[in-house]
């Protein structure tokens, strides 16, 4: 995802050669600095990969929980219809059941 927005890879930085001028930079100093940049790029890529995996896992969990909520709402509707037909349940019973189901859903990690 973010890889398309990054122009240089760690390999590009490593293999970059600078023209040396009589007033140019010291090659050893440039190499040390580029080594630091390469480490940062590699660490950044690792962080991005970890975050992408975590995002994917969270999206899958979210989909699963939404399906579970949908199923439980359907069950509540069926129970409500059955209880209204039987005349045994009151609104308080239905609200208590709904509250218990919500506690069950939202207490899952």
Protein backbone atom coordinates (compact mmCIF):
# COMPACT_ATOMS: atom_id res chain seq x y z
CA UNK A 1 0.00 0.00 0.00
CA UNK A 2 2.58 2.57 1.09
CA UNK A 3 5.34 0.95 -0.94
CA UNK A 4 4.19 2.79 -4.08
CA UNK A 5 4.84 6.14 -2.41
CA UNK A 6 8.44 5.38 -1.41
CA UNK A 7 10.89 6.26 -4.16
CA UNK A 8 14.11 4.72 -2.83
CA UNK A 9 14.67 1.25 -1.49
CA UNK A 10 17.46 0.33 0.87
CA UNK A 11 19.22 -1.36 -2.06
CA UNK A 12 18.97 1.82 -4.17
CA UNK A 13 20.63 3.78 -1.38
CA UNK A 14 23.29 1.16 -0.86
CA UNK A 15 24.24 1.02 -4.53
CA UNK A 16 24.21 4.78 -5.13
CA UNK A 17 27.58 6.07 -6.28
CA UNK A 18 28.48 9.71 -6.06
CA UNK A 19 30.79 11.54 -8.41
CA UNK A 20 33.93 12.61 -6.62
CA UNK A 21 35.03 16.16 -7.14
CA UNK A 22 38.14 17.83 -5.88
CA UNK A 23 35.97 19.59 -3.35
CA UNK A 24 33.64 16.63 -2.85
CA UNK A 25 32.54 14.93 0.30
CA UNK A 26 34.56 12.29 2.07
CA UNK A 27 33.39 8.90 0.75
CA UNK A 28 33.69 7.22 4.17
CA UNK A 29 31.46 9.86 5.76
CA UNK A 30 28.86 9.50 3.01
CA UNK A 31 28.95 5.69 3.34
CA UNK A 32 28.40 5.84 7.12
CA UNK A 33 25.48 8.21 6.69
CA UNK A 34 23.94 6.05 3.97
CA UNK A 35 24.26 3.02 6.26
CA UNK A 36 22.14 4.84 8.83
CA UNK A 37 19.57 5.74 6.16
CA UNK A 38 19.43 2.12 4.96
CA UNK A 39 18.77 0.88 8.50
CA UNK A 40 15.97 3.40 8.87
CA UNK A 41 14.40 2.33 5.58
CA UNK A 42 14.52 -1.32 6.56
CA UNK A 43 12.99 -0.57 9.95
CA UNK A 44 10.28 1.57 8.34
CA UNK A 45 9.42 -1.25 5.93
CA UNK A 46 9.22 -3.70 8.81
CA UNK A 47 6.90 -1.36 10.75
CA UNK A 48 4.66 -0.85 7.71
CA UNK A 49 4.43 -4.60 7.12
CA UNK A 50 3.50 -5.20 10.77
CA UNK A 51 0.84 -2.48 10.66
CA UNK A 52 -0.63 -3.82 7.42
CA UNK A 53 -0.93 -7.29 8.96
CA UNK A 54 -2.51 -5.89 12.11
CA UNK A 55 -4.97 -3.86 10.02
CA UNK A 56 -5.94 -6.96 8.03
CA UNK A 57 -6.50 -8.96 11.23
CA UNK A 58 -8.62 -6.19 12.75
CA UNK A 59 -10.76 -5.91 9.62
CA UNK A 60 -11.38 -9.67 9.68
CA UNK A 61 -12.34 -9.49 13.37
CA UNK A 62 -14.64 -6.59 12.66
CA UNK A 63 -16.42 -8.49 9.88
CA UNK A 64 -16.82 -11.53 12.12
CA UNK A 65 -18.25 -9.45 14.98
CA UNK A 66 -20.69 -7.65 12.67
CA UNK A 67 -21.96 -11.01 11.42
CA UNK A 68 -22.34 -12.22 14.99
CA UNK A 69 -24.29 -9.08 15.96
CA UNK A 70 -26.53 -9.53 12.91
CA UNK A 71 -27.21 -13.17 13.85
CA UNK A 72 -27.97 -12.26 17.46
CA UNK A 73 -30.35 -9.48 16.42
CA UNK A 74 -32.18 -11.96 14.23
CA UNK A 75 -32.44 -14.38 17.15
CA UNK A 76 -33.75 -11.58 19.38
CA UNK A 77 -36.40 -10.72 16.81
CA UNK A 78 -37.48 -14.36 16.62
CA UNK A 79 -37.56 -14.64 20.41
CA UNK A 80 -39.50 -11.41 20.66
CA UNK A 81 -42.07 -12.62 18.14
CA UNK A 82 -42.38 -15.96 19.92
CA UNK A 83 -42.73 -14.33 23.30
CA UNK A 84 -45.35 -11.91 22.01
CA UNK A 85 -47.29 -14.81 20.54
CA UNK A 86 -47.07 -16.80 23.77
CA UNK A 87 -47.83 -13.86 26.01
CA UNK A 88 -45.29 -15.06 28.60
CA UNK A 89 -42.62 -12.36 28.13
CA UNK A 90 -42.73 -8.75 29.02
CA UNK A 91 -40.78 -5.90 27.54
CA UNK A 92 -38.51 -6.01 30.56
CA UNK A 93 -37.62 -9.65 29.79
CA UNK A 94 -36.76 -8.78 26.20
CA UNK A 95 -34.62 -5.83 27.30
CA UNK A 96 -32.84 -8.02 29.85
CA UNK A 97 -32.10 -10.63 27.17
CA UNK A 98 -30.87 -7.98 24.78
CA UNK A 99 -28.63 -6.52 27.48
CA UNK A 100 -27.17 -9.96 28.23
CA UNK A 101 -26.49 -10.57 24.54
CA UNK A 102 -24.77 -7.20 24.17
CA UNK A 103 -22.61 -7.91 27.21
CA UNK A 104 -21.65 -11.25 25.65
CA UNK A 105 -20.75 -9.68 22.30
CA UNK A 106 -18.81 -6.68 23.58
CA UNK A 107 -16.97 -8.53 26.35
CA UNK A 108 -15.22 -10.77 23.79
CA UNK A 109 -11.64 -9.74 22.99
